[in-house]
N, C-alpha and C. Protein backbone atom coordinates (compact mmCIF):
# COMPACT_ATOMS: atom_id res chain seq x y z
N MET A 1 -73.72 81.08 14.54
CA MET A 1 -73.52 79.65 14.63
C MET A 1 -73.08 79.16 13.26
N SER A 2 -72.05 78.34 13.20
CA SER A 2 -71.57 77.81 11.93
C SER A 2 -72.46 76.67 11.47
N ALA A 3 -72.37 76.36 10.17
CA ALA A 3 -73.15 75.25 9.63
C ALA A 3 -72.73 73.94 10.29
N ARG A 4 -71.43 73.83 10.58
CA ARG A 4 -70.93 72.60 11.18
C ARG A 4 -71.52 72.39 12.58
N SER A 5 -71.52 73.43 13.41
CA SER A 5 -72.06 73.26 14.75
C SER A 5 -73.57 73.05 14.71
N GLY A 6 -74.25 73.65 13.73
CA GLY A 6 -75.68 73.43 13.57
C GLY A 6 -75.99 71.99 13.24
N ARG A 7 -75.21 71.40 12.33
CA ARG A 7 -75.39 69.98 11.99
C ARG A 7 -75.11 69.10 13.19
N GLY A 8 -74.10 69.47 13.97
CA GLY A 8 -73.77 68.69 15.17
C GLY A 8 -74.91 68.69 16.17
N ARG A 9 -75.55 69.85 16.34
CA ARG A 9 -76.67 69.94 17.28
C ARG A 9 -77.86 69.15 16.77
N VAL A 10 -78.11 69.20 15.47
CA VAL A 10 -79.21 68.42 14.89
C VAL A 10 -78.95 66.94 15.07
N ALA A 11 -77.71 66.50 14.83
CA ALA A 11 -77.37 65.08 15.00
C ALA A 11 -77.53 64.67 16.46
N TRP A 12 -77.09 65.54 17.38
CA TRP A 12 -77.22 65.23 18.80
C TRP A 12 -78.70 65.13 19.19
N LEU A 13 -79.50 66.07 18.71
CA LEU A 13 -80.93 66.07 19.02
C LEU A 13 -81.61 64.82 18.46
N ALA A 14 -81.27 64.44 17.23
CA ALA A 14 -81.85 63.24 16.63
C ALA A 14 -81.47 62.00 17.44
N THR A 15 -80.23 61.93 17.90
CA THR A 15 -79.79 60.80 18.71
C THR A 15 -80.54 60.76 20.03
N ALA A 16 -80.73 61.92 20.66
CA ALA A 16 -81.44 62.00 21.93
C ALA A 16 -82.89 61.56 21.78
N VAL A 17 -83.55 62.00 20.71
CA VAL A 17 -84.95 61.61 20.46
C VAL A 17 -85.05 60.10 20.24
N LEU A 18 -84.13 59.55 19.45
CA LEU A 18 -84.12 58.10 19.21
C LEU A 18 -83.91 57.35 20.52
N ALA A 19 -82.97 57.78 21.32
CA ALA A 19 -82.70 57.11 22.58
C ALA A 19 -83.91 57.15 23.50
N LEU A 20 -84.59 58.28 23.58
CA LEU A 20 -85.78 58.37 24.42
C LEU A 20 -86.88 57.46 23.93
N ASN A 21 -87.04 57.37 22.62
CA ASN A 21 -88.08 56.51 22.07
C ASN A 21 -87.76 55.04 22.25
N VAL A 22 -86.49 54.68 22.22
CA VAL A 22 -86.09 53.28 22.35
C VAL A 22 -85.98 52.86 23.80
N LEU A 23 -85.42 53.74 24.64
CA LEU A 23 -85.08 53.34 25.99
C LEU A 23 -86.10 53.73 27.05
N ALA A 24 -87.00 54.62 26.73
CA ALA A 24 -87.99 55.06 27.72
C ALA A 24 -88.94 53.92 28.06
N PRO A 25 -89.37 53.84 29.31
CA PRO A 25 -90.34 52.80 29.66
C PRO A 25 -91.60 52.92 28.82
N VAL A 26 -92.15 51.80 28.46
CA VAL A 26 -93.36 51.76 27.64
C VAL A 26 -94.57 51.84 28.56
N SER A 27 -95.59 52.52 28.14
CA SER A 27 -96.79 52.67 28.98
C SER A 27 -97.52 51.33 29.10
N ALA A 28 -98.35 51.25 30.12
CA ALA A 28 -99.09 50.01 30.37
C ALA A 28 -100.05 49.68 29.24
N ASN A 29 -100.44 50.67 28.45
CA ASN A 29 -101.38 50.44 27.35
C ASN A 29 -100.70 50.00 26.07
N ALA A 30 -99.38 50.04 26.03
CA ALA A 30 -98.66 49.68 24.81
C ALA A 30 -98.57 48.16 24.68
N ALA A 31 -98.30 47.70 23.47
CA ALA A 31 -98.19 46.27 23.20
C ALA A 31 -96.92 45.68 23.79
N THR A 32 -95.87 46.47 23.91
CA THR A 32 -94.60 45.98 24.44
C THR A 32 -94.59 46.15 25.96
N PRO A 33 -94.27 45.10 26.70
CA PRO A 33 -94.28 45.21 28.16
C PRO A 33 -93.12 46.07 28.67
N THR A 34 -93.29 46.65 29.84
CA THR A 34 -92.25 47.43 30.48
C THR A 34 -91.32 46.51 31.25
N LEU A 35 -90.04 46.63 30.99
CA LEU A 35 -89.05 45.85 31.73
C LEU A 35 -88.91 46.38 33.14
N THR A 36 -88.77 45.48 34.09
CA THR A 36 -88.49 45.82 35.47
C THR A 36 -87.44 44.85 35.99
N ALA A 37 -86.78 45.23 37.08
CA ALA A 37 -85.76 44.36 37.67
C ALA A 37 -85.89 44.34 39.18
N ASP A 38 -85.45 43.24 39.78
CA ASP A 38 -85.44 43.15 41.23
C ASP A 38 -84.18 42.44 41.70
N LEU A 39 -83.82 42.72 42.92
CA LEU A 39 -82.71 42.06 43.60
C LEU A 39 -83.29 41.51 44.90
N GLY A 40 -83.40 40.20 44.99
CA GLY A 40 -84.00 39.59 46.17
C GLY A 40 -85.43 40.03 46.39
N GLY A 41 -86.14 40.33 45.32
CA GLY A 41 -87.53 40.74 45.41
C GLY A 41 -87.75 42.25 45.53
N ALA A 42 -86.69 43.01 45.82
CA ALA A 42 -86.81 44.47 45.93
C ALA A 42 -86.48 45.11 44.59
N PRO A 43 -87.30 46.04 44.12
CA PRO A 43 -87.06 46.67 42.82
C PRO A 43 -85.70 47.38 42.77
N ILE A 44 -85.04 47.28 41.61
CA ILE A 44 -83.81 48.02 41.34
C ILE A 44 -83.91 48.63 39.95
N PRO A 45 -83.20 49.73 39.72
CA PRO A 45 -83.19 50.32 38.38
C PRO A 45 -82.54 49.38 37.38
N LEU A 46 -83.03 49.36 36.14
CA LEU A 46 -82.46 48.50 35.10
C LEU A 46 -80.97 48.74 34.93
N ARG A 47 -80.53 49.99 35.06
CA ARG A 47 -79.12 50.31 34.83
C ARG A 47 -78.20 49.63 35.85
N GLU A 48 -78.76 49.14 36.96
CA GLU A 48 -77.95 48.52 38.00
C GLU A 48 -77.78 47.01 37.84
N ILE A 49 -78.48 46.40 36.91
CA ILE A 49 -78.39 44.94 36.82
C ILE A 49 -77.00 44.48 36.39
N ILE A 50 -76.22 45.33 35.77
CA ILE A 50 -74.87 44.96 35.36
C ILE A 50 -73.99 44.64 36.58
N LYS A 51 -74.40 45.05 37.75
CA LYS A 51 -73.62 44.80 38.97
C LYS A 51 -73.85 43.40 39.54
N TYR A 52 -74.85 42.68 39.01
CA TYR A 52 -75.29 41.43 39.62
C TYR A 52 -75.30 40.27 38.63
N HIS A 53 -75.85 39.17 39.08
CA HIS A 53 -76.06 37.98 38.25
C HIS A 53 -77.56 37.89 38.03
N CYS A 54 -77.99 38.06 36.78
CA CYS A 54 -79.42 38.22 36.50
C CYS A 54 -79.90 37.26 35.42
N GLN A 55 -81.23 37.13 35.36
CA GLN A 55 -81.87 36.32 34.32
C GLN A 55 -83.21 36.92 33.97
N ASP A 56 -83.59 36.70 32.70
CA ASP A 56 -84.88 37.24 32.23
C ASP A 56 -85.88 36.13 31.94
N LEU A 57 -85.80 35.05 32.72
CA LEU A 57 -86.69 33.91 32.50
C LEU A 57 -88.16 34.24 32.74
N ASP A 58 -88.43 35.29 33.52
CA ASP A 58 -89.80 35.75 33.76
C ASP A 58 -90.05 37.06 33.02
N TYR A 59 -89.48 37.18 31.84
CA TYR A 59 -89.61 38.41 31.05
C TYR A 59 -91.06 38.89 31.03
N PRO A 60 -91.31 40.15 31.28
CA PRO A 60 -90.41 41.30 31.29
C PRO A 60 -89.79 41.61 32.66
N ARG A 61 -89.92 40.71 33.60
CA ARG A 61 -89.31 40.89 34.92
C ARG A 61 -87.93 40.25 34.89
N ILE A 62 -86.92 41.01 35.28
CA ILE A 62 -85.55 40.51 35.36
C ILE A 62 -85.22 40.32 36.83
N HIS A 63 -84.81 39.12 37.18
CA HIS A 63 -84.46 38.80 38.57
C HIS A 63 -82.95 38.77 38.71
N CYS A 64 -82.44 39.43 39.74
CA CYS A 64 -81.00 39.51 39.97
C CYS A 64 -80.64 38.93 41.34
N PHE A 65 -79.39 38.49 41.42
CA PHE A 65 -78.88 37.84 42.62
C PHE A 65 -77.47 38.35 42.90
N THR A 66 -77.06 38.28 44.15
CA THR A 66 -75.72 38.75 44.49
C THR A 66 -74.63 37.72 44.19
N SER A 67 -75.01 36.46 43.98
CA SER A 67 -74.01 35.43 43.66
C SER A 67 -74.45 34.63 42.43
N GLU A 68 -73.47 34.14 41.72
CA GLU A 68 -73.76 33.32 40.55
C GLU A 68 -74.41 32.00 40.97
N ALA A 69 -74.04 31.48 42.12
CA ALA A 69 -74.66 30.25 42.62
C ALA A 69 -76.16 30.43 42.83
N SER A 70 -76.57 31.55 43.39
CA SER A 70 -78.00 31.82 43.59
C SER A 70 -78.72 31.96 42.26
N LEU A 71 -78.07 32.58 41.29
CA LEU A 71 -78.64 32.70 39.95
C LEU A 71 -78.87 31.31 39.35
N GLU A 72 -77.86 30.45 39.44
CA GLU A 72 -77.97 29.11 38.87
C GLU A 72 -79.10 28.32 39.53
N VAL A 73 -79.26 28.44 40.82
CA VAL A 73 -80.36 27.75 41.52
C VAL A 73 -81.70 28.25 41.00
N SER A 74 -81.82 29.57 40.83
CA SER A 74 -83.09 30.15 40.38
C SER A 74 -83.46 29.72 38.97
N ALA A 75 -82.47 29.41 38.16
CA ALA A 75 -82.70 29.13 36.74
C ALA A 75 -82.48 27.67 36.35
N ALA A 76 -82.13 26.81 37.28
CA ALA A 76 -81.73 25.43 36.97
C ALA A 76 -82.73 24.68 36.09
N ALA A 77 -83.99 24.67 36.47
CA ALA A 77 -84.99 23.92 35.71
C ALA A 77 -85.17 24.48 34.31
N LEU A 78 -85.19 25.80 34.21
CA LEU A 78 -85.42 26.41 32.90
C LEU A 78 -84.20 26.37 32.00
N LEU A 79 -83.00 26.29 32.58
CA LEU A 79 -81.80 26.21 31.74
C LEU A 79 -81.76 24.91 30.95
N SER A 80 -82.45 23.90 31.45
CA SER A 80 -82.46 22.62 30.74
C SER A 80 -83.60 22.51 29.74
N THR A 81 -84.44 23.52 29.65
CA THR A 81 -85.56 23.53 28.72
C THR A 81 -85.11 24.14 27.40
N PRO A 82 -85.13 23.38 26.30
CA PRO A 82 -84.61 23.87 25.03
C PRO A 82 -85.21 25.19 24.54
N SER A 83 -86.44 25.49 24.89
CA SER A 83 -87.05 26.71 24.37
C SER A 83 -86.79 27.93 25.24
N SER A 84 -86.03 27.78 26.32
CA SER A 84 -85.83 28.93 27.20
C SER A 84 -84.49 29.59 26.94
N ALA A 85 -83.55 29.48 27.85
CA ALA A 85 -82.28 30.20 27.76
C ALA A 85 -81.49 29.81 26.51
N TYR A 86 -80.92 30.83 25.86
CA TYR A 86 -80.07 30.50 24.73
C TYR A 86 -78.64 30.96 24.87
N VAL A 87 -78.36 31.85 25.81
CA VAL A 87 -76.97 32.24 26.01
C VAL A 87 -76.81 32.87 27.39
N ILE A 88 -75.67 32.59 28.01
CA ILE A 88 -75.29 33.23 29.27
C ILE A 88 -74.06 34.07 28.96
N ALA A 89 -74.07 35.33 29.39
CA ALA A 89 -72.95 36.24 29.13
C ALA A 89 -72.34 36.72 30.45
N TRP A 90 -71.04 37.02 30.39
CA TRP A 90 -70.32 37.59 31.52
C TRP A 90 -69.65 38.88 31.09
N ASP A 91 -69.42 39.77 32.04
CA ASP A 91 -68.81 41.05 31.70
C ASP A 91 -67.28 41.02 31.79
N GLN A 92 -66.71 39.86 32.06
CA GLN A 92 -65.26 39.69 32.07
C GLN A 92 -64.90 38.40 31.35
N PRO A 93 -63.66 38.32 30.82
CA PRO A 93 -63.24 37.07 30.17
C PRO A 93 -63.24 35.91 31.16
N THR A 94 -63.19 34.72 30.63
CA THR A 94 -63.17 33.46 31.37
C THR A 94 -64.34 33.32 32.33
N TYR A 95 -65.52 33.78 31.88
CA TYR A 95 -66.77 33.58 32.61
C TYR A 95 -66.72 34.17 34.02
N ALA A 96 -66.15 35.34 34.14
CA ALA A 96 -66.01 36.00 35.44
C ALA A 96 -66.84 37.29 35.46
N GLY A 97 -67.03 37.80 36.65
CA GLY A 97 -67.76 39.06 36.82
C GLY A 97 -69.26 38.84 36.81
N SER A 98 -69.98 39.92 36.57
CA SER A 98 -71.44 39.86 36.51
C SER A 98 -71.87 38.99 35.34
N SER A 99 -73.09 38.44 35.46
CA SER A 99 -73.58 37.56 34.39
C SER A 99 -75.05 37.83 34.12
N PHE A 100 -75.47 37.37 32.95
CA PHE A 100 -76.88 37.54 32.55
C PHE A 100 -77.28 36.33 31.71
N ILE A 101 -78.41 35.71 32.08
CA ILE A 101 -78.97 34.61 31.30
C ILE A 101 -80.03 35.19 30.38
N PHE A 102 -79.80 35.07 29.07
CA PHE A 102 -80.71 35.62 28.07
C PHE A 102 -81.70 34.57 27.59
N THR A 103 -82.98 34.91 27.63
CA THR A 103 -84.02 34.09 26.99
C THR A 103 -84.73 34.90 25.92
N GLN A 104 -84.45 36.20 25.89
CA GLN A 104 -85.14 37.12 24.98
C GLN A 104 -84.15 37.78 24.02
N ASP A 105 -84.69 38.32 22.95
CA ASP A 105 -83.91 39.14 22.03
C ASP A 105 -83.91 40.57 22.57
N TYR A 106 -82.81 41.28 22.36
CA TYR A 106 -82.72 42.68 22.78
C TYR A 106 -82.17 43.49 21.62
N THR A 107 -83.00 44.40 21.11
CA THR A 107 -82.56 45.26 20.02
C THR A 107 -81.55 46.30 20.50
N ALA A 108 -81.55 46.59 21.78
CA ALA A 108 -80.62 47.54 22.38
C ALA A 108 -80.24 47.05 23.77
N LEU A 109 -79.08 46.42 23.89
CA LEU A 109 -78.64 45.93 25.19
C LEU A 109 -78.43 47.06 26.20
N ALA A 110 -78.34 48.29 25.71
CA ALA A 110 -78.21 49.45 26.60
C ALA A 110 -79.41 49.55 27.54
N LEU A 111 -80.55 49.06 27.12
CA LEU A 111 -81.75 49.11 27.93
C LEU A 111 -81.56 48.39 29.27
N ILE A 112 -80.74 47.34 29.26
CA ILE A 112 -80.50 46.57 30.47
C ILE A 112 -79.06 46.72 30.98
N GLY A 113 -78.34 47.71 30.47
CA GLY A 113 -77.00 47.99 30.95
C GLY A 113 -75.90 47.11 30.40
N TRP A 114 -76.21 46.26 29.42
CA TRP A 114 -75.22 45.31 28.91
C TRP A 114 -74.59 45.70 27.58
N SER A 115 -74.88 46.85 27.04
CA SER A 115 -74.25 47.26 25.78
C SER A 115 -72.75 47.47 25.99
N ASP A 116 -71.96 46.91 25.11
CA ASP A 116 -70.50 47.04 25.14
C ASP A 116 -69.90 46.54 26.45
N ARG A 117 -70.46 45.47 27.02
CA ARG A 117 -69.99 44.92 28.29
C ARG A 117 -69.64 43.44 28.21
N ILE A 118 -70.02 42.75 27.17
CA ILE A 118 -69.87 41.29 27.13
C ILE A 118 -68.45 40.89 26.76
N SER A 119 -67.85 40.02 27.61
CA SER A 119 -66.46 39.59 27.41
C SER A 119 -66.32 38.07 27.27
N SER A 120 -67.36 37.32 27.63
CA SER A 120 -67.36 35.87 27.44
C SER A 120 -68.80 35.39 27.47
N PHE A 121 -69.04 34.22 26.87
CA PHE A 121 -70.40 33.68 26.87
C PHE A 121 -70.40 32.18 26.65
N LYS A 122 -71.52 31.57 27.02
CA LYS A 122 -71.76 30.15 26.77
C LYS A 122 -73.14 30.02 26.14
N ALA A 123 -73.21 29.41 24.97
CA ALA A 123 -74.49 29.13 24.33
C ALA A 123 -75.16 27.98 25.08
N GLN A 124 -76.49 27.97 25.11
CA GLN A 124 -77.25 27.01 25.89
C GLN A 124 -78.25 26.25 25.01
N ASN A 125 -78.54 25.02 25.40
CA ASN A 125 -79.65 24.25 24.83
C ASN A 125 -79.61 24.12 23.31
N SER A 126 -78.42 24.06 22.75
CA SER A 126 -78.23 23.92 21.29
C SER A 126 -78.92 25.03 20.50
N GLN A 127 -79.14 26.17 21.14
CA GLN A 127 -79.77 27.30 20.48
C GLN A 127 -78.74 28.07 19.64
N THR A 128 -79.23 28.81 18.65
CA THR A 128 -78.36 29.63 17.81
C THR A 128 -78.86 31.07 17.80
N GLY A 129 -77.96 31.97 17.46
CA GLY A 129 -78.31 33.38 17.40
C GLY A 129 -77.11 34.19 16.97
N HIS A 130 -77.22 35.49 17.11
CA HIS A 130 -76.13 36.40 16.77
C HIS A 130 -76.02 37.51 17.80
N TRP A 131 -74.79 37.84 18.16
CA TRP A 131 -74.49 39.09 18.84
C TRP A 131 -74.22 40.10 17.74
N TYR A 132 -74.61 41.35 17.92
CA TYR A 132 -74.34 42.40 16.94
C TYR A 132 -73.65 43.57 17.64
N THR A 133 -72.77 44.24 16.92
CA THR A 133 -72.02 45.36 17.48
C THR A 133 -72.84 46.64 17.53
N ASP A 134 -73.97 46.68 16.84
CA ASP A 134 -74.81 47.87 16.83
C ASP A 134 -76.23 47.52 17.25
N TRP A 135 -76.98 48.54 17.64
CA TRP A 135 -78.39 48.36 17.98
C TRP A 135 -79.17 47.84 16.79
N PHE A 136 -80.33 47.27 17.07
CA PHE A 136 -81.28 46.79 16.06
C PHE A 136 -80.69 45.75 15.12
N TYR A 137 -79.81 44.89 15.66
CA TYR A 137 -79.24 43.77 14.91
C TYR A 137 -78.46 44.24 13.69
N ASN A 138 -77.66 45.26 13.88
CA ASN A 138 -76.82 45.81 12.80
C ASN A 138 -75.36 45.73 13.19
N GLY A 139 -74.51 46.03 12.21
CA GLY A 139 -73.07 46.04 12.43
C GLY A 139 -72.49 44.65 12.26
N SER A 140 -71.27 44.49 12.70
CA SER A 140 -70.61 43.18 12.65
C SER A 140 -71.32 42.25 13.62
N SER A 141 -71.22 40.95 13.33
CA SER A 141 -71.91 40.01 14.21
C SER A 141 -71.03 38.82 14.55
N TRP A 142 -71.42 38.14 15.61
CA TRP A 142 -70.75 36.92 16.08
C TRP A 142 -71.85 35.87 16.20
N TYR A 143 -71.67 34.75 15.52
CA TYR A 143 -72.64 33.67 15.51
C TYR A 143 -72.59 32.90 16.82
N ILE A 144 -73.74 32.75 17.45
CA ILE A 144 -73.89 31.96 18.68
C ILE A 144 -74.41 30.59 18.24
N CYS A 145 -73.67 29.55 18.56
CA CYS A 145 -74.11 28.24 18.08
C CYS A 145 -73.83 27.11 19.04
N CYS A 146 -74.80 26.26 19.11
CA CYS A 146 -74.63 24.85 19.46
C CYS A 146 -73.82 24.58 20.72
N ASN A 147 -74.15 25.25 21.80
CA ASN A 147 -73.48 25.03 23.08
C ASN A 147 -72.01 25.46 23.08
N ALA A 148 -71.65 26.35 22.18
CA ALA A 148 -70.27 26.86 22.13
C ALA A 148 -69.96 27.64 23.40
N GLN A 149 -68.70 27.62 23.78
CA GLN A 149 -68.24 28.38 24.93
C GLN A 149 -67.09 29.27 24.49
N GLN A 150 -67.24 30.56 24.71
CA GLN A 150 -66.23 31.54 24.33
C GLN A 150 -65.72 32.24 25.58
N SER A 151 -64.54 31.86 26.04
CA SER A 151 -64.00 32.45 27.26
C SER A 151 -63.35 33.81 27.00
N SER A 152 -63.10 34.10 25.73
CA SER A 152 -62.50 35.38 25.35
C SER A 152 -63.02 35.75 23.96
N LEU A 153 -63.26 37.02 23.72
CA LEU A 153 -63.86 37.45 22.46
C LEU A 153 -62.90 38.22 21.55
N GLY A 154 -61.64 38.31 21.92
CA GLY A 154 -60.66 38.99 21.07
C GLY A 154 -61.08 40.41 20.75
N SER A 155 -61.07 40.75 19.47
CA SER A 155 -61.41 42.12 19.05
C SER A 155 -62.90 42.44 19.26
N PHE A 156 -63.72 41.44 19.54
CA PHE A 156 -65.15 41.69 19.81
C PHE A 156 -65.42 41.95 21.29
N ASN A 157 -64.40 41.88 22.14
CA ASN A 157 -64.58 42.13 23.56
C ASN A 157 -65.23 43.50 23.79
N ASP A 158 -66.28 43.52 24.58
CA ASP A 158 -66.99 44.76 24.95
C ASP A 158 -67.50 45.54 23.74
N THR A 159 -68.02 44.83 22.72
CA THR A 159 -68.53 45.52 21.53
C THR A 159 -69.99 45.22 21.21
N PHE A 160 -70.61 44.22 21.83
CA PHE A 160 -71.95 43.81 21.43
C PHE A 160 -73.02 44.76 21.98
N SER A 161 -73.96 45.15 21.10
CA SER A 161 -75.01 46.09 21.48
C SER A 161 -76.42 45.55 21.27
N SER A 162 -76.56 44.37 20.63
CA SER A 162 -77.87 43.73 20.49
C SER A 162 -77.65 42.24 20.33
N VAL A 163 -78.71 41.46 20.60
CA VAL A 163 -78.63 40.00 20.50
C VAL A 163 -79.96 39.47 19.96
N HIS A 164 -79.86 38.47 19.08
CA HIS A 164 -81.06 37.92 18.45
C HIS A 164 -80.91 36.41 18.27
N ARG A 165 -81.92 35.67 18.70
CA ARG A 165 -81.94 34.20 18.56
C ARG A 165 -82.50 33.83 17.19
N PHE A 166 -82.02 32.73 16.63
CA PHE A 166 -82.55 32.22 15.35
C PHE A 166 -83.21 30.89 15.54
């Protein structure tokens, strides 16, 4: 085995260990709650929420709907509460495709299937924050501010991997 391939295997192994530690469900005894998702009350895998219109207003429970209209009905009262939702994201430009209402920070959007998927967003309730291109609030960032609406993200399209409110 060459030194180069050995380093590659070590890097791959380190990445796999990090991913398991970050993305694996947390035990019931841990301080961090385990995320779960449902569609119409029936459990679905977290990786499938990208197919639907979802919200995390009952964090750590993520509720998903087959239509954006149903999502809006489920979240209407809380969307008007300044301390709740801070951004709504879509996986296509011009607010199209699947959507997600964020009320929480996510150090790794991959956990909920939204890493490198965001193509448009609307800031909510005069809240501010940042999208980041890398996990754990690293890399280049895009400032979320003051009810801004971004129908297209240009070179940032499909690049965000974490989100944090300020």
